[in-house]
Amino acid sequence: MKKYIDNIKIWLEKDPKRTFKMFMAILGVSFVLMIITEIYNKNNLDNKFNSKTPYLFENSEAIIQKQKLQKKQKSMNEIKKELNYFKTKEMLSKNDSIRIEFLLDRLNYMKNEE
């Protein structure tokens, strides 16, 4: 295998102009084929995914919504843990009562949020 790679390297380095022309021809042909396939896909109305951009955008929106939901769940769990701490506490001060009230309001707000 290494012998073939070395032979190809020698062949490519022997005539750099021919190598350049060959790679430019390959690049040109691939560019023309890409344009033809894009035109064909845009004319094909049955194809749901004419362009990949909307599909990627929809996926990114779904991922963002999932991350927001996970963040909300994590925040709600932290509030519940803190409320459980206050449940187990023997004596509550005035500041504790205010904090509990705030946490309950925040928890209810997060539950009612869409």
Protein backbone atom coordinates (compact mmCIF):
# COMPACT_ATOMS: atom_id res chain seq x y z
CA MET A 1 0.00 0.00 0.00
CA LYS A 2 2.84 2.36 0.89
CA LYS A 3 4.44 1.60 -2.48
CA TYR A 4 1.30 2.78 -4.31
CA ILE A 5 1.10 5.97 -2.24
CA ASP A 6 4.74 6.73 -2.95
CA ASN A 7 4.19 6.13 -6.70
CA ILE A 8 1.19 8.49 -6.65
CA LYS A 9 3.24 11.17 -4.85
CA ILE A 10 6.02 10.88 -7.40
CA TRP A 11 3.53 11.01 -10.29
CA LEU A 12 1.83 14.14 -8.82
CA GLU A 13 5.15 15.91 -8.14
CA LYS A 14 6.55 15.10 -11.61
CA ASP A 15 4.30 17.56 -13.45
CA PRO A 16 2.73 20.18 -11.11
CA LYS A 17 0.86 21.96 -13.94
CA ARG A 18 -0.94 18.77 -14.93
CA THR A 19 -1.70 18.05 -11.27
CA PHE A 20 -3.13 21.55 -10.79
CA LYS A 21 -5.27 21.26 -13.94
CA MET A 22 -6.55 17.85 -12.85
CA PHE A 23 -7.58 19.06 -9.39
CA MET A 24 -9.20 22.20 -10.82
CA ALA A 25 -11.17 20.06 -13.27
CA ILE A 26 -12.37 17.84 -10.43
CA LEU A 27 -13.32 20.92 -8.41
CA GLY A 28 -15.19 22.44 -11.37
CA VAL A 29 -17.11 19.25 -12.11
CA SER A 30 -18.12 18.85 -8.46
CA PHE A 31 -19.26 22.50 -8.37
CA VAL A 32 -21.41 22.05 -11.47
CA LEU A 33 -22.91 18.83 -10.07
CA MET A 34 -23.71 20.57 -6.79
CA ILE A 35 -25.51 23.39 -8.63
CA ILE A 36 -27.49 20.88 -10.72
CA THR A 37 -28.59 18.93 -7.64
CA GLU A 38 -29.64 22.16 -5.85
CA ILE A 39 -31.72 23.23 -8.87
CA TYR A 40 -33.29 19.76 -9.08
CA ASN A 41 -34.12 19.74 -5.35
CA LYS A 42 -35.68 23.23 -5.48
CA ASN A 43 -37.88 22.22 -8.42
CA ASN A 44 -38.94 19.01 -6.70
CA LEU A 45 -41.93 20.13 -4.61
CA ASP A 46 -42.42 16.71 -3.00
CA ASN A 47 -39.09 17.01 -1.18
CA LYS A 48 -39.82 18.28 2.35
CA PHE A 49 -36.24 19.22 3.06
CA ASN A 50 -35.20 21.41 0.13
CA SER A 51 -32.62 23.04 2.30
CA LYS A 52 -31.02 21.74 5.45
CA THR A 53 -31.12 25.14 7.18
CA PRO A 54 -34.76 25.00 8.38
CA TYR A 55 -34.27 21.43 9.59
CA LEU A 56 -31.17 22.42 11.57
CA PHE A 57 -32.98 25.48 12.92
CA GLU A 58 -35.91 23.37 14.11
CA ASN A 59 -33.54 20.99 15.85
CA SER A 60 -31.69 23.83 17.53
CA GLU A 61 -35.00 25.27 18.79
CA ALA A 62 -35.95 21.87 20.19
CA ILE A 63 -32.59 21.58 21.91
CA ILE A 64 -32.91 25.08 23.38
CA GLN A 65 -36.41 24.28 24.68
CA LYS A 66 -35.14 21.04 26.20
CA GLN A 67 -32.27 22.87 27.93
CA LYS A 68 -34.68 25.51 29.28
CA LEU A 69 -36.94 22.77 30.63
CA GLN A 70 -33.99 21.01 32.28
CA LYS A 71 -32.85 24.29 33.83
CA LYS A 72 -36.36 24.95 35.12
CA GLN A 73 -36.59 21.45 36.60
CA LYS A 74 -33.22 21.86 38.28
CA SER A 75 -34.26 25.19 39.76
CA MET A 76 -37.55 23.72 41.01
CA ASN A 77 -35.69 20.82 42.63
CA GLU A 78 -33.37 23.25 44.42
CA ILE A 79 -36.37 25.19 45.73
CA LYS A 80 -38.00 21.98 46.93
CA LYS A 81 -34.80 20.93 48.71
CA GLU A 82 -34.63 24.28 50.47
CA LEU A 83 -38.29 24.03 51.47
CA ASN A 84 -37.67 20.53 52.84
CA TYR A 85 -34.81 21.97 54.89
CA PHE A 86 -37.19 24.50 56.41
CA LYS A 87 -39.70 21.71 57.15
CA THR A 88 -37.15 19.86 59.23
CA LYS A 89 -35.98 22.95 61.05
CA GLU A 90 -37.26 23.21 64.64
CA MET A 91 -37.54 26.96 65.13
CA LEU A 92 -38.28 29.38 62.33
CA SER A 93 -37.33 33.02 62.46
CA LYS A 94 -39.09 35.89 60.75
CA ASN A 95 -36.48 35.82 57.98
CA ASP A 96 -37.11 32.09 57.49
CA SER A 97 -40.83 32.74 57.10
CA ILE A 98 -40.19 35.43 54.52
CA ARG A 99 -37.80 33.12 52.66
CA ILE A 100 -40.36 30.29 52.69
CA GLU A 101 -43.03 32.62 51.37
CA PHE A 102 -40.71 33.78 48.60
CA LEU A 103 -39.78 30.20 47.66
CA LEU A 104 -43.42 29.12 47.54
CA ASP A 105 -44.34 32.08 45.33
CA ARG A 106 -41.45 31.34 43.03
CA LEU A 107 -42.33 27.64 42.86
CA ASN A 108 -45.97 28.43 42.02
CA TYR A 109 -44.87 30.92 39.37
CA MET A 110 -42.56 28.35 37.77
CA LYS A 111 -45.29 25.69 37.79
CA ASN A 112 -47.79 28.04 36.11
CA GLU A 113 -45.28 29.20 33.49
CA GLU A 114 -45.71 27.68 30.07
